[in-house]
Amino acid sequence: MAQLDPRTASEFSRLAHTRQVPAGTRLFAHGADCTHFVRLRAGRVRVQTVSPQGREIVLYRVHPGESCIMTNACLMSGRAYAAEGIAEADCTLEVLAHGDFDRLMEQSAAFRQWLFASCGERLVELMLLFENVAFQRIDIRLAARLLEPGQNSLALTHQQLAAELGSSREVISRQLKEFERRGWVRLGRASLEILQAQALRALASAV
C-alpha cells in the first residue's frame, strides 16, 4: 500500500502517540465503537468476522505502514465495528485521536489521498476474496494457500485454514486427508508437510 509522504508523516508523528500491544491482544471487537485512527508501525493484525455459529473468516491482514480499512470506515461513518481485530504478533501502533484524524482529513490533501488509496486497494482485495469464496473450488483454493509461504513445513491447524479460506473445519479436514491419500502432503498435529509441491501447483492453477 501507498506510504505517507515525508511532510504528512512528520505531522502525523507529531500528533500520534505510540502504543505497544502483545500478540494475541484483541484490538477491537464486533459492535464496539471506534474512537481512534491507528497506523501499524510494526507487527501484524488479523481482521476477521465470526458468525453466530462461531465460524470465522479472515477478511485481511494489516502490515507495517498500513492502516485498517475497518477502522477508517467506522471513523468516517460513525458506525460500530463489524469485525474484530487480533494482534498476530507483538505490535507497535501509532494512535491518533478522532479529532486529530478529522483535522488531518480536512487540512491535508496528501493524508486524504494516502487514506483513500489504501482503502481502495483493500476493497479490491476484499472483492477478490469474496469472488474466490463464492466461485472457486475449495480444493483449488486450499492448494494455493498451502503453497503461499514457499515452505515445505507449515504450522497451521485445520481451523486456521478454514478461517483463512472461508470454509468449515470439517471441509478442510476432509480435503487435506484427500491430499494426504494422494501422497501430496503428510499431516501432523497442528502442522503439515508438503511432499509434492508440483501436484499442488498444478491443482492451484486449474481453471
C-alpha atoms as a PDB file:
ATOM      1  CA  MET A   1       0.000   0.000   0.000  1.00  0.00           C
ATOM      2  CA  ALA A   2       0.999   3.609  -0.502  1.00  0.00           C
ATOM      3  CA  GLN A   3       3.129   5.206   2.238  1.00  0.00           C
ATOM      4  CA  LEU A   4       2.687   8.656   3.742  1.00  0.00           C
ATOM      5  CA  ASP A   5       4.815  11.379   2.157  1.00  0.00           C
ATOM      6  CA  PRO A   6       7.538  12.854   4.453  1.00  0.00           C
ATOM      7  CA  ARG A   7       5.669  16.073   5.308  1.00  0.00           C
ATOM      8  CA  THR A   8       2.420  14.314   6.161  1.00  0.00           C
ATOM      9  CA  ALA A   9       4.277  11.577   8.049  1.00  0.00           C
ATOM     10  CA  SER A  10       6.010  14.243  10.164  1.00  0.00           C
ATOM     11  CA  GLU A  11       2.701  15.906  11.051  1.00  0.00           C
ATOM     12  CA  PHE A  12       1.131  12.550  11.782  1.00  0.00           C
ATOM     13  CA  SER A  13       4.013  11.580  14.092  1.00  0.00           C
ATOM     14  CA  ARG A  14       3.676  14.885  15.957  1.00  0.00           C
ATOM     15  CA  LEU A  15       0.005  14.237  16.697  1.00  0.00           C
ATOM     16  CA  ALA A  16       0.068  10.479  17.272  1.00  0.00           C
ATOM     17  CA  HIS A  17       1.104   8.555  20.362  1.00  0.00           C
ATOM     18  CA  THR A  18       2.697   5.111  20.357  1.00  0.00           C
ATOM     19  CA  ARG A  19       1.146   2.030  21.917  1.00  0.00           C
ATOM     20  CA  GLN A  20       2.697  -1.415  22.352  1.00  0.00           C
ATOM     21  CA  VAL A  21       0.444  -4.494  22.407  1.00  0.00           C
ATOM     22  CA  PRO A  22       1.438  -8.160  22.786  1.00  0.00           C
ATOM     23  CA  ALA A  23       0.492 -10.914  20.361  1.00  0.00           C
ATOM     24  CA  GLY A  24      -2.998 -12.244  20.960  1.00  0.00           C
ATOM     25  CA  THR A  25      -4.482  -8.889  22.017  1.00  0.00           C
ATOM     26  CA  ARG A  26      -7.963  -8.142  20.685  1.00  0.00           C
ATOM     27  CA  LEU A  27      -7.614  -4.605  19.342  1.00  0.00           C
ATOM     28  CA  PHE A  28     -11.291  -4.134  18.566  1.00  0.00           C
ATOM     29  CA  ALA A  29     -14.436  -6.230  18.813  1.00  0.00           C
ATOM     30  CA  HIS A  30     -17.581  -6.581  16.722  1.00  0.00           C
ATOM     31  CA  GLY A  31     -20.097  -3.945  17.802  1.00  0.00           C
ATOM     32  CA  ALA A  32     -17.552  -1.742  19.600  1.00  0.00           C
ATOM     33  CA  ASP A  33     -17.317   1.994  18.957  1.00  0.00           C
ATOM     34  CA  CYS A  34     -14.298   3.321  17.063  1.00  0.00           C
ATOM     35  CA  THR A  35     -12.571   6.213  18.824  1.00  0.00           C
ATOM     36  CA  HIS A  36      -9.070   6.369  17.294  1.00  0.00           C
ATOM     37  CA  PHE A  37      -7.277   6.121  13.969  1.00  0.00           C
ATOM     38  CA  VAL A  38      -4.472   3.556  14.041  1.00  0.00           C
ATOM     39  CA  ARG A  39      -1.461   3.039  11.793  1.00  0.00           C
ATOM     40  CA  LEU A  40       0.620  -0.091  12.289  1.00  0.00           C
ATOM     41  CA  ARG A  41       4.326   0.585  12.739  1.00  0.00           C
ATOM     42  CA  ALA A  42       5.402  -2.996  13.494  1.00  0.00           C
ATOM     43  CA  GLY A  43       3.758  -6.400  13.822  1.00  0.00           C
ATOM     44  CA  ARG A  44       0.739  -7.899  12.088  1.00  0.00           C
ATOM     45  CA  VAL A  45      -3.020  -7.663  12.735  1.00  0.00           C
ATOM     46  CA  ARG A  46      -5.659 -10.137  11.566  1.00  0.00           C
ATOM     47  CA  VAL A  47      -9.121  -8.735  10.857  1.00  0.00           C
ATOM     48  CA  GLN A  48     -11.848 -11.354  10.853  1.00  0.00           C
ATOM     49  CA  THR A  49     -15.572 -11.798  11.205  1.00  0.00           C
ATOM     50  CA  VAL A  50     -17.269 -14.509  13.249  1.00  0.00           C
ATOM     51  CA  SER A  51     -20.731 -15.924  12.547  1.00  0.00           C
ATOM     52  CA  PRO A  52     -23.290 -16.557  15.334  1.00  0.00           C
ATOM     53  CA  GLN A  53     -22.356 -20.246  14.985  1.00  0.00           C
ATOM     54  CA  GLY A  54     -18.707 -19.430  15.686  1.00  0.00           C
ATOM     55  CA  ARG A  55     -17.414 -19.834  12.133  1.00  0.00           C
ATOM     56  CA  GLU A  56     -14.540 -17.482  11.367  1.00  0.00           C
ATOM     57  CA  ILE A  57     -13.385 -15.962   8.108  1.00  0.00           C
ATOM     58  CA  VAL A  58     -10.228 -13.877   7.799  1.00  0.00           C
ATOM     59  CA  LEU A  59     -11.005 -10.712   5.834  1.00  0.00           C
ATOM     60  CA  TYR A  60      -7.489  -9.300   5.576  1.00  0.00           C
ATOM     61  CA  ARG A  61      -4.288  -8.593   7.487  1.00  0.00           C
ATOM     62  CA  VAL A  62      -2.752  -5.242   8.341  1.00  0.00           C
ATOM     63  CA  HIS A  63       1.026  -4.965   7.882  1.00  0.00           C
ATOM     64  CA  PRO A  64       3.564  -2.299   8.932  1.00  0.00           C
ATOM     65  CA  GLY A  65       2.901   1.080   7.335  1.00  0.00           C
ATOM     66  CA  GLU A  66      -0.782   0.301   6.774  1.00  0.00           C
ATOM     67  CA  SER A  67      -3.993   1.374   8.445  1.00  0.00           C
ATOM     68  CA  CYS A  68      -7.117  -0.723   8.968  1.00  0.00           C
ATOM     69  CA  ILE A  69      -9.907  -0.101   6.454  1.00  0.00           C
ATOM     70  CA  MET A  70     -12.493  -1.250   9.009  1.00  0.00           C
ATOM     71  CA  THR A  71     -11.285   1.361  11.496  1.00  0.00           C
ATOM     72  CA  ASN A  72     -11.184   4.043   8.807  1.00  0.00           C
ATOM     73  CA  ALA A  73     -14.724   3.263   7.656  1.00  0.00           C
ATOM     74  CA  CYS A  74     -16.050   3.317  11.218  1.00  0.00           C
ATOM     75  CA  LEU A  75     -14.347   6.646  11.952  1.00  0.00           C
ATOM     76  CA  MET A  76     -15.769   8.289   8.841  1.00  0.00           C
ATOM     77  CA  SER A  77     -19.268   6.800   9.096  1.00  0.00           C
ATOM     78  CA  GLY A  78     -19.751   6.859  12.855  1.00  0.00           C
ATOM     79  CA  ARG A  79     -20.773   3.197  12.804  1.00  0.00           C
ATOM     80  CA  ALA A  80     -19.602   0.478  15.178  1.00  0.00           C
ATOM     81  CA  TYR A  81     -17.090  -2.177  14.161  1.00  0.00           C
ATOM     82  CA  ALA A  82     -18.491  -5.009  12.037  1.00  0.00           C
ATOM     83  CA  ALA A  83     -15.489  -7.301  12.617  1.00  0.00           C
ATOM     84  CA  GLU A  84     -12.737  -7.934  15.153  1.00  0.00           C
ATOM     85  CA  GLY A  85      -9.012  -7.255  15.023  1.00  0.00           C
ATOM     86  CA  ILE A  86      -6.446  -9.549  16.651  1.00  0.00           C
ATOM     87  CA  ALA A  87      -2.706  -8.886  17.005  1.00  0.00           C
ATOM     88  CA  GLU A  88      -0.984 -11.914  15.441  1.00  0.00           C
ATOM     89  CA  ALA A  89       2.424 -10.686  16.612  1.00  0.00           C
ATOM     90  CA  ASP A  90       3.708  -8.124  19.091  1.00  0.00           C
ATOM     91  CA  CYS A  91       2.602  -4.798  17.607  1.00  0.00           C
ATOM     92  CA  THR A  92       3.625  -1.162  17.722  1.00  0.00           C
ATOM     93  CA  LEU A  93       0.685   1.119  16.958  1.00  0.00           C
ATOM     94  CA  GLU A  94       0.608   4.805  16.077  1.00  0.00           C
ATOM     95  CA  VAL A  95      -2.676   6.058  17.520  1.00  0.00           C
ATOM     96  CA  LEU A  96      -4.412   9.282  16.523  1.00  0.00           C
ATOM     97  CA  ALA A  97      -7.354  10.790  18.413  1.00  0.00           C
ATOM     98  CA  HIS A  98     -10.609  11.065  16.466  1.00  0.00           C
ATOM     99  CA  GLY A  99     -10.435  14.871  16.490  1.00  0.00           C
ATOM    100  CA  ASP A 100      -6.869  14.950  15.154  1.00  0.00           C
ATOM    101  CA  PHE A 101      -7.858  12.437  12.473  1.00  0.00           C
ATOM    102  CA  ASP A 102     -10.734  14.690  11.395  1.00  0.00           C
ATOM    103  CA  ARG A 103      -8.431  17.722  11.256  1.00  0.00           C
ATOM    104  CA  LEU A 104      -5.847  15.881   9.165  1.00  0.00           C
ATOM    105  CA  MET A 105      -8.582  14.717   6.803  1.00  0.00           C
ATOM    106  CA  GLU A 106      -9.811  18.298   6.454  1.00  0.00           C
ATOM    107  CA  GLN A 107      -6.461  20.048   6.163  1.00  0.00           C
ATOM    108  CA  SER A 108      -4.161  17.587   4.370  1.00  0.00           C
ATOM    109  CA  ALA A 109      -4.871  16.549   0.797  1.00  0.00           C
ATOM    110  CA  ALA A 110      -1.854  14.208   0.987  1.00  0.00           C
ATOM    111  CA  PHE A 111      -3.308  12.410   4.014  1.00  0.00           C
ATOM    112  CA  ARG A 112      -6.685  12.046   2.294  1.00  0.00           C
ATOM    113  CA  GLN A 113      -5.018  10.720  -0.850  1.00  0.00           C
ATOM    114  CA  TRP A 114      -2.989   8.174   1.156  1.00  0.00           C
ATOM    115  CA  LEU A 115      -6.029   7.060   3.133  1.00  0.00           C
ATOM    116  CA  PHE A 116      -8.341   6.684   0.142  1.00  0.00           C
ATOM    117  CA  ALA A 117      -5.656   4.897  -1.897  1.00  0.00           C
ATOM    118  CA  SER A 118      -5.145   2.457   0.977  1.00  0.00           C
ATOM    119  CA  CYS A 119      -8.890   1.890   1.298  1.00  0.00           C
ATOM    120  CA  GLY A 120      -9.267   1.405  -2.447  1.00  0.00           C
ATOM    121  CA  GLU A 121      -6.547  -1.250  -2.601  1.00  0.00           C
ATOM    122  CA  ARG A 122      -8.020  -3.093   0.373  1.00  0.00           C
ATOM    123  CA  LEU A 123     -11.501  -3.055  -1.182  1.00  0.00           C
ATOM    124  CA  VAL A 124     -10.102  -4.692  -4.321  1.00  0.00           C
ATOM    125  CA  GLU A 125      -8.533  -7.411  -2.142  1.00  0.00           C
ATOM    126  CA  LEU A 126     -11.850  -7.980  -0.355  1.00  0.00           C
ATOM    127  CA  MET A 127     -13.711  -8.256  -3.655  1.00  0.00           C
ATOM    128  CA  LEU A 128     -11.213 -10.902  -4.811  1.00  0.00           C
ATOM    129  CA  LEU A 129     -11.678 -12.754  -1.518  1.00  0.00           C
ATOM    130  CA  PHE A 130     -15.461 -12.809  -1.867  1.00  0.00           C
ATOM    131  CA  GLU A 131     -15.154 -13.866  -5.506  1.00  0.00           C
ATOM    132  CA  ASN A 132     -12.881 -16.760  -4.566  1.00  0.00           C
ATOM    133  CA  VAL A 133     -15.121 -17.888  -1.708  1.00  0.00           C
ATOM    134  CA  ALA A 134     -18.219 -17.729  -3.890  1.00  0.00           C
ATOM    135  CA  PHE A 135     -16.947 -19.184  -7.155  1.00  0.00           C
ATOM    136  CA  GLN A 136     -13.675 -21.094  -6.776  1.00  0.00           C
ATOM    137  CA  ARG A 137     -13.481 -24.741  -5.703  1.00  0.00           C
ATOM    138  CA  ILE A 138     -12.198 -25.313  -2.188  1.00  0.00           C
ATOM    139  CA  ASP A 139      -9.539 -27.831  -3.288  1.00  0.00           C
ATOM    140  CA  ILE A 140      -8.036 -25.260  -5.670  1.00  0.00           C
ATOM    141  CA  ARG A 141      -8.056 -22.526  -3.017  1.00  0.00           C
ATOM    142  CA  LEU A 142      -6.585 -24.854  -0.409  1.00  0.00           C
ATOM    143  CA  ALA A 143      -3.758 -25.947  -2.708  1.00  0.00           C
ATOM    144  CA  ALA A 144      -2.920 -22.312  -3.461  1.00  0.00           C
ATOM    145  CA  ARG A 145      -2.957 -21.417   0.239  1.00  0.00           C
ATOM    146  CA  LEU A 146      -0.599 -24.257   1.162  1.00  0.00           C
ATOM    147  CA  LEU A 147       1.897 -23.031  -1.435  1.00  0.00           C
ATOM    148  CA  GLU A 148       1.807 -19.372  -0.333  1.00  0.00           C
ATOM    149  CA  PRO A 149       4.607 -19.398   2.271  1.00  0.00           C
ATOM    150  CA  GLY A 150       7.009 -21.173  -0.097  1.00  0.00           C
ATOM    151  CA  GLN A 151       7.916 -23.674   2.621  1.00  0.00           C
ATOM    152  CA  ASN A 152       7.534 -27.439   2.825  1.00  0.00           C
ATOM    153  CA  SER A 153       6.582 -27.481   6.520  1.00  0.00           C
ATOM    154  CA  LEU A 154       3.613 -25.433   7.745  1.00  0.00           C
ATOM    155  CA  ALA A 155       2.463 -24.893  11.340  1.00  0.00           C
ATOM    156  CA  LEU A 156      -1.278 -24.484  10.739  1.00  0.00           C
ATOM    157  CA  THR A 157      -4.368 -26.058  12.255  1.00  0.00           C
ATOM    158  CA  HIS A 158      -7.337 -27.144  10.166  1.00  0.00           C
ATOM    159  CA  GLN A 159      -9.397 -24.446  11.904  1.00  0.00           C
ATOM    160  CA  GLN A 160      -6.894 -21.753  10.936  1.00  0.00           C
ATOM    161  CA  LEU A 161      -7.002 -22.860   7.303  1.00  0.00           C
ATOM    162  CA  ALA A 162     -10.801 -22.892   7.403  1.00  0.00           C
ATOM    163  CA  ALA A 163     -10.853 -19.311   8.695  1.00  0.00           C
ATOM    164  CA  GLU A 164      -8.375 -18.235   6.018  1.00  0.00           C
ATOM    165  CA  LEU A 165     -10.461 -19.774   3.243  1.00  0.00           C
ATOM    166  CA  GLY A 166     -13.968 -19.001   4.492  1.00  0.00           C
ATOM    167  CA  SER A 167     -14.850 -22.655   4.880  1.00  0.00           C
ATOM    168  CA  SER A 168     -15.583 -25.070   7.729  1.00  0.00           C
ATOM    169  CA  ARG A 169     -13.021 -27.133   9.611  1.00  0.00           C
ATOM    170  CA  GLU A 170     -14.766 -30.338   8.535  1.00  0.00           C
ATOM    171  CA  VAL A 171     -14.490 -29.475   4.844  1.00  0.00           C
ATOM    172  CA  ILE A 172     -10.809 -28.530   5.174  1.00  0.00           C
ATOM    173  CA  SER A 173     -10.006 -31.696   7.150  1.00  0.00           C
ATOM    174  CA  ARG A 174     -11.702 -33.842   4.528  1.00  0.00           C
ATOM    175  CA  GLN A 175      -9.799 -32.153   1.698  1.00  0.00           C
ATOM    176  CA  LEU A 176      -6.455 -32.388   3.496  1.00  0.00           C
ATOM    177  CA  LYS A 177      -6.996 -36.088   4.091  1.00  0.00           C
ATOM    178  CA  GLU A 178      -7.634 -36.467   0.357  1.00  0.00           C
ATOM    179  CA  PHE A 179      -4.365 -34.634  -0.373  1.00  0.00           C
ATOM    180  CA  GLU A 180      -2.632 -36.997   2.054  1.00  0.00           C
ATOM    181  CA  ARG A 181      -4.207 -40.041   0.396  1.00  0.00           C
ATOM    182  CA  ARG A 182      -2.769 -38.868  -2.927  1.00  0.00           C
ATOM    183  CA  GLY A 183       0.661 -38.533  -1.336  1.00  0.00           C
ATOM    184  CA  TRP A 184       0.793 -34.757  -1.733  1.00  0.00           C
ATOM    185  CA  VAL A 185       1.062 -33.882   1.969  1.00  0.00           C
ATOM    186  CA  ARG A 186       1.783 -35.527   5.310  1.00  0.00           C
ATOM    187  CA  LEU A 187      -0.474 -34.391   8.151  1.00  0.00           C
ATOM    188  CA  GLY A 188       0.738 -33.860  11.714  1.00  0.00           C
ATOM    189  CA  ARG A 189      -0.626 -32.305  14.871  1.00  0.00           C
ATOM    190  CA  ALA A 190      -1.279 -28.632  14.046  1.00  0.00           C
ATOM    191  CA  SER A 191       1.165 -28.979  11.153  1.00  0.00           C
ATOM    192  CA  LEU A 192       1.632 -30.465   7.714  1.00  0.00           C
ATOM    193  CA  GLU A 193       4.479 -31.256   5.361  1.00  0.00           C
ATOM    194  CA  ILE A 194       4.239 -30.727   1.616  1.00  0.00           C
ATOM    195  CA  LEU A 195       5.549 -33.786  -0.239  1.00  0.00           C
ATOM    196  CA  GLN A 196       4.566 -32.973  -3.826  1.00  0.00           C
ATOM    197  CA  ALA A 197       4.514 -29.227  -4.383  1.00  0.00           C
ATOM    198  CA  GLN A 198       4.269 -29.693  -8.146  1.00  0.00           C
ATOM    199  CA  ALA A 199       0.985 -31.577  -7.820  1.00  0.00           C
ATOM    200  CA  LEU A 200      -0.435 -28.839  -5.584  1.00  0.00           C
ATOM    201  CA  ARG A 201       0.813 -26.206  -8.014  1.00  0.00           C
ATOM    202  CA  ALA A 202      -0.940 -27.929 -10.918  1.00  0.00           C
ATOM    203  CA  LEU A 203      -4.197 -28.043  -8.963  1.00  0.00           C
ATOM    204  CA  ALA A 204      -3.875 -24.424  -7.825  1.00  0.00           C
ATOM    205  CA  SER A 205      -3.536 -23.281 -11.444  1.00  0.00           C
ATOM    206  CA  ALA A 206      -6.558 -25.291 -12.621  1.00  0.00           C
ATOM    207  CA  VAL A 207      -9.494 -23.365 -14.045  1.00  0.00           C
END
